[in-house]
């Protein structure tokens, strides 16, 4: 594993941990607004569960170097799994996280594949 892969893993770990804390605290309502209607759990339960998953993945990437290959793959799958929430925000014109125009919401959609690629790259 190169230094670049390590840095990618650490950066992704910090991003996921921060986002997970946001899910459970100061951004909770905004994340709830993104949960599509087809998700079988209620919006709050979904947001809390995804926050726990993000914190777990983030801390794992920050501290479990030997597990980074597995955690990177799981993080990539996680980013794919939550992508429908971003689509839901775009299609339903939901203002959250400063994404208050269709253009901003669309650009966010383009960012999700970048996160998937970063997670895969962090695997080493």
C-alpha atoms as a PDB file:
ATOM      1  CA  UNK A   1       0.000   0.000   0.000  1.00  0.00           C
ATOM      2  CA  UNK A   2       1.410   3.362  -1.009  1.00  0.00           C
ATOM      3  CA  UNK A   3       1.386   6.544   1.024  1.00  0.00           C
ATOM      4  CA  UNK A   4      -1.296   7.892  -1.338  1.00  0.00           C
ATOM      5  CA  UNK A   5      -3.561   4.953  -0.527  1.00  0.00           C
ATOM      6  CA  UNK A   6      -3.005   5.522   3.184  1.00  0.00           C
ATOM      7  CA  UNK A   7      -3.788   9.223   2.862  1.00  0.00           C
ATOM      8  CA  UNK A   8      -6.933   8.389   0.862  1.00  0.00           C
ATOM      9  CA  UNK A   9      -8.026   5.962   3.583  1.00  0.00           C
ATOM     10  CA  UNK A  10      -7.400   8.487   6.326  1.00  0.00           C
ATOM     11  CA  UNK A  11      -9.201  11.252   4.429  1.00  0.00           C
ATOM     12  CA  UNK A  12     -12.152   8.995   3.742  1.00  0.00           C
ATOM     13  CA  UNK A  13     -12.183   7.910   7.377  1.00  0.00           C
ATOM     14  CA  UNK A  14     -12.362  11.537   8.489  1.00  0.00           C
ATOM     15  CA  UNK A  15     -15.092  12.325   5.953  1.00  0.00           C
ATOM     16  CA  UNK A  16     -17.206   9.340   7.002  1.00  0.00           C
ATOM     17  CA  UNK A  17     -16.778   9.958  10.723  1.00  0.00           C
ATOM     18  CA  UNK A  18     -17.714  13.620  10.368  1.00  0.00           C
ATOM     19  CA  UNK A  19     -20.724  12.807   8.186  1.00  0.00           C
ATOM     20  CA  UNK A  20     -21.841  10.125  10.641  1.00  0.00           C
ATOM     21  CA  UNK A  21     -21.747  12.578  13.538  1.00  0.00           C
ATOM     22  CA  UNK A  22     -23.753  15.005  11.390  1.00  0.00           C
ATOM     23  CA  UNK A  23     -26.355  12.287  10.767  1.00  0.00           C
ATOM     24  CA  UNK A  24     -26.851  11.870  14.470  1.00  0.00           C
ATOM     25  CA  UNK A  25     -26.706  15.522  15.539  1.00  0.00           C
ATOM     26  CA  UNK A  26     -26.661  18.868  13.741  1.00  0.00           C
ATOM     27  CA  UNK A  27     -27.642  17.664  10.220  1.00  0.00           C
ATOM     28  CA  UNK A  28     -30.176  15.049  11.255  1.00  0.00           C
ATOM     29  CA  UNK A  29     -33.255  16.811   9.855  1.00  0.00           C
ATOM     30  CA  UNK A  30     -31.556  17.531   6.528  1.00  0.00           C
ATOM     31  CA  UNK A  31     -30.562  13.880   6.151  1.00  0.00           C
ATOM     32  CA  UNK A  32     -34.099  12.778   7.060  1.00  0.00           C
ATOM     33  CA  UNK A  33     -35.458  14.840   4.158  1.00  0.00           C
ATOM     34  CA  UNK A  34     -33.337  12.793   1.757  1.00  0.00           C
ATOM     35  CA  UNK A  35     -34.697   9.380   2.723  1.00  0.00           C
ATOM     36  CA  UNK A  36     -36.788   8.059  -0.184  1.00  0.00           C
ATOM     37  CA  UNK A  37     -40.325   6.855   0.532  1.00  0.00           C
ATOM     38  CA  UNK A  38     -39.504   3.281  -0.516  1.00  0.00           C
ATOM     39  CA  UNK A  39     -37.050   2.778   2.367  1.00  0.00           C
ATOM     40  CA  UNK A  40     -38.853   0.435   4.784  1.00  0.00           C
ATOM     41  CA  UNK A  41     -37.508   2.078   7.934  1.00  0.00           C
ATOM     42  CA  UNK A  42     -38.695   5.505   9.000  1.00  0.00           C
ATOM     43  CA  UNK A  43     -36.520   8.469   8.014  1.00  0.00           C
ATOM     44  CA  UNK A  44     -35.105   8.991  11.517  1.00  0.00           C
ATOM     45  CA  UNK A  45     -34.235   5.325  11.990  1.00  0.00           C
ATOM     46  CA  UNK A  46     -32.627   5.244   8.546  1.00  0.00           C
ATOM     47  CA  UNK A  47     -30.573   8.362   9.266  1.00  0.00           C
ATOM     48  CA  UNK A  48     -29.434   7.089  12.660  1.00  0.00           C
ATOM     49  CA  UNK A  49     -28.513   3.669  11.241  1.00  0.00           C
ATOM     50  CA  UNK A  50     -26.562   5.169   8.369  1.00  0.00           C
ATOM     51  CA  UNK A  51     -24.831   7.516  10.816  1.00  0.00           C
ATOM     52  CA  UNK A  52     -23.728   4.564  12.945  1.00  0.00           C
ATOM     53  CA  UNK A  53     -22.491   2.797   9.808  1.00  0.00           C
ATOM     54  CA  UNK A  54     -20.553   5.875   8.690  1.00  0.00           C
ATOM     55  CA  UNK A  55     -18.942   6.378  12.070  1.00  0.00           C
ATOM     56  CA  UNK A  56     -17.995   2.711  12.232  1.00  0.00           C
ATOM     57  CA  UNK A  57     -16.521   2.723   8.731  1.00  0.00           C
ATOM     58  CA  UNK A  58     -14.780   6.033   9.332  1.00  0.00           C
ATOM     59  CA  UNK A  59     -13.176   5.005  12.601  1.00  0.00           C
ATOM     60  CA  UNK A  60     -12.223   1.678  11.077  1.00  0.00           C
ATOM     61  CA  UNK A  61     -10.478   3.389   8.168  1.00  0.00           C
ATOM     62  CA  UNK A  62      -8.696   5.690  10.591  1.00  0.00           C
ATOM     63  CA  UNK A  63      -7.541   3.008  12.993  1.00  0.00           C
ATOM     64  CA  UNK A  64      -7.623  -0.475  11.486  1.00  0.00           C
ATOM     65  CA  UNK A  65      -4.873  -0.386   8.882  1.00  0.00           C
ATOM     66  CA  UNK A  66      -4.893  -4.135   8.283  1.00  0.00           C
ATOM     67  CA  UNK A  67      -8.621  -4.050   7.525  1.00  0.00           C
ATOM     68  CA  UNK A  68      -8.459  -1.142   5.070  1.00  0.00           C
ATOM     69  CA  UNK A  69      -9.003  -3.353   1.978  1.00  0.00           C
ATOM     70  CA  UNK A  70     -12.234  -4.745   3.395  1.00  0.00           C
ATOM     71  CA  UNK A  71     -13.404  -1.445   4.862  1.00  0.00           C
ATOM     72  CA  UNK A  72     -12.735   0.385   1.597  1.00  0.00           C
ATOM     73  CA  UNK A  73     -14.871  -2.127  -0.290  1.00  0.00           C
ATOM     74  CA  UNK A  74     -17.659  -1.822   2.275  1.00  0.00           C
ATOM     75  CA  UNK A  75     -17.468   1.986   2.100  1.00  0.00           C
ATOM     76  CA  UNK A  76     -17.730   1.855  -1.699  1.00  0.00           C
ATOM     77  CA  UNK A  77     -20.814  -0.364  -1.420  1.00  0.00           C
ATOM     78  CA  UNK A  78     -22.258   1.971   1.215  1.00  0.00           C
ATOM     79  CA  UNK A  79     -21.880   4.973  -1.110  1.00  0.00           C
ATOM     80  CA  UNK A  80     -23.705   3.052  -3.843  1.00  0.00           C
ATOM     81  CA  UNK A  81     -26.451   2.035  -1.393  1.00  0.00           C
ATOM     82  CA  UNK A  82     -27.165   5.604  -0.244  1.00  0.00           C
ATOM     83  CA  UNK A  83     -27.083   7.094  -3.759  1.00  0.00           C
ATOM     84  CA  UNK A  84     -30.897   6.809  -4.131  1.00  0.00           C
ATOM     85  CA  UNK A  85     -31.172   9.405  -1.350  1.00  0.00           C
ATOM     86  CA  UNK A  86     -29.182  11.858  -3.457  1.00  0.00           C
ATOM     87  CA  UNK A  87     -31.364  11.109  -6.469  1.00  0.00           C
ATOM     88  CA  UNK A  88     -34.453  11.612  -4.282  1.00  0.00           C
ATOM     89  CA  UNK A  89     -33.135  15.010  -3.197  1.00  0.00           C
ATOM     90  CA  UNK A  90     -32.521  16.019  -6.818  1.00  0.00           C
ATOM     91  CA  UNK A  91     -35.809  14.744  -8.249  1.00  0.00           C
ATOM     92  CA  UNK A  92     -37.918  16.237  -5.467  1.00  0.00           C
ATOM     93  CA  UNK A  93     -36.033  19.556  -5.334  1.00  0.00           C
ATOM     94  CA  UNK A  94     -35.237  19.186  -1.628  1.00  0.00           C
ATOM     95  CA  UNK A  95     -33.132  22.034  -0.268  1.00  0.00           C
ATOM     96  CA  UNK A  96     -30.582  20.701   2.214  1.00  0.00           C
ATOM     97  CA  UNK A  97     -26.884  21.144   2.914  1.00  0.00           C
ATOM     98  CA  UNK A  98     -26.849  24.382   0.918  1.00  0.00           C
ATOM     99  CA  UNK A  99     -28.037  22.539  -2.185  1.00  0.00           C
ATOM    100  CA  UNK A 100     -30.814  24.959  -3.034  1.00  0.00           C
ATOM    101  CA  UNK A 101     -30.799  24.766  -6.831  1.00  0.00           C
ATOM    102  CA  UNK A 102     -31.188  21.958  -9.324  1.00  0.00           C
ATOM    103  CA  UNK A 103     -27.677  22.662 -10.574  1.00  0.00           C
ATOM    104  CA  UNK A 104     -26.135  22.244  -7.111  1.00  0.00           C
ATOM    105  CA  UNK A 105     -28.138  19.080  -6.449  1.00  0.00           C
ATOM    106  CA  UNK A 106     -27.067  17.668  -9.833  1.00  0.00           C
ATOM    107  CA  UNK A 107     -23.410  18.419  -9.158  1.00  0.00           C
ATOM    108  CA  UNK A 108     -23.754  16.513  -5.902  1.00  0.00           C
ATOM    109  CA  UNK A 109     -24.932  13.505  -7.880  1.00  0.00           C
ATOM    110  CA  UNK A 110     -21.649  13.633  -9.787  1.00  0.00           C
ATOM    111  CA  UNK A 111     -19.740  13.608  -6.512  1.00  0.00           C
ATOM    112  CA  UNK A 112     -21.044  10.213  -5.442  1.00  0.00           C
ATOM    113  CA  UNK A 113     -19.020   8.235  -8.009  1.00  0.00           C
ATOM    114  CA  UNK A 114     -15.971  10.174  -6.802  1.00  0.00           C
ATOM    115  CA  UNK A 115     -16.603   8.896  -3.268  1.00  0.00           C
ATOM    116  CA  UNK A 116     -16.996   5.344  -4.583  1.00  0.00           C
ATOM    117  CA  UNK A 117     -13.697   5.685  -6.461  1.00  0.00           C
ATOM    118  CA  UNK A 118     -11.961   7.173  -3.404  1.00  0.00           C
ATOM    119  CA  UNK A 119     -13.167   4.293  -1.235  1.00  0.00           C
ATOM    120  CA  UNK A 120     -11.952   1.768  -3.791  1.00  0.00           C
ATOM    121  CA  UNK A 121      -8.613   3.553  -4.159  1.00  0.00           C
ATOM    122  CA  UNK A 122      -8.152   3.644  -0.375  1.00  0.00           C
ATOM    123  CA  UNK A 123      -8.120  -0.162  -0.426  1.00  0.00           C
ATOM    124  CA  UNK A 124      -4.567  -0.038  -1.767  1.00  0.00           C
END
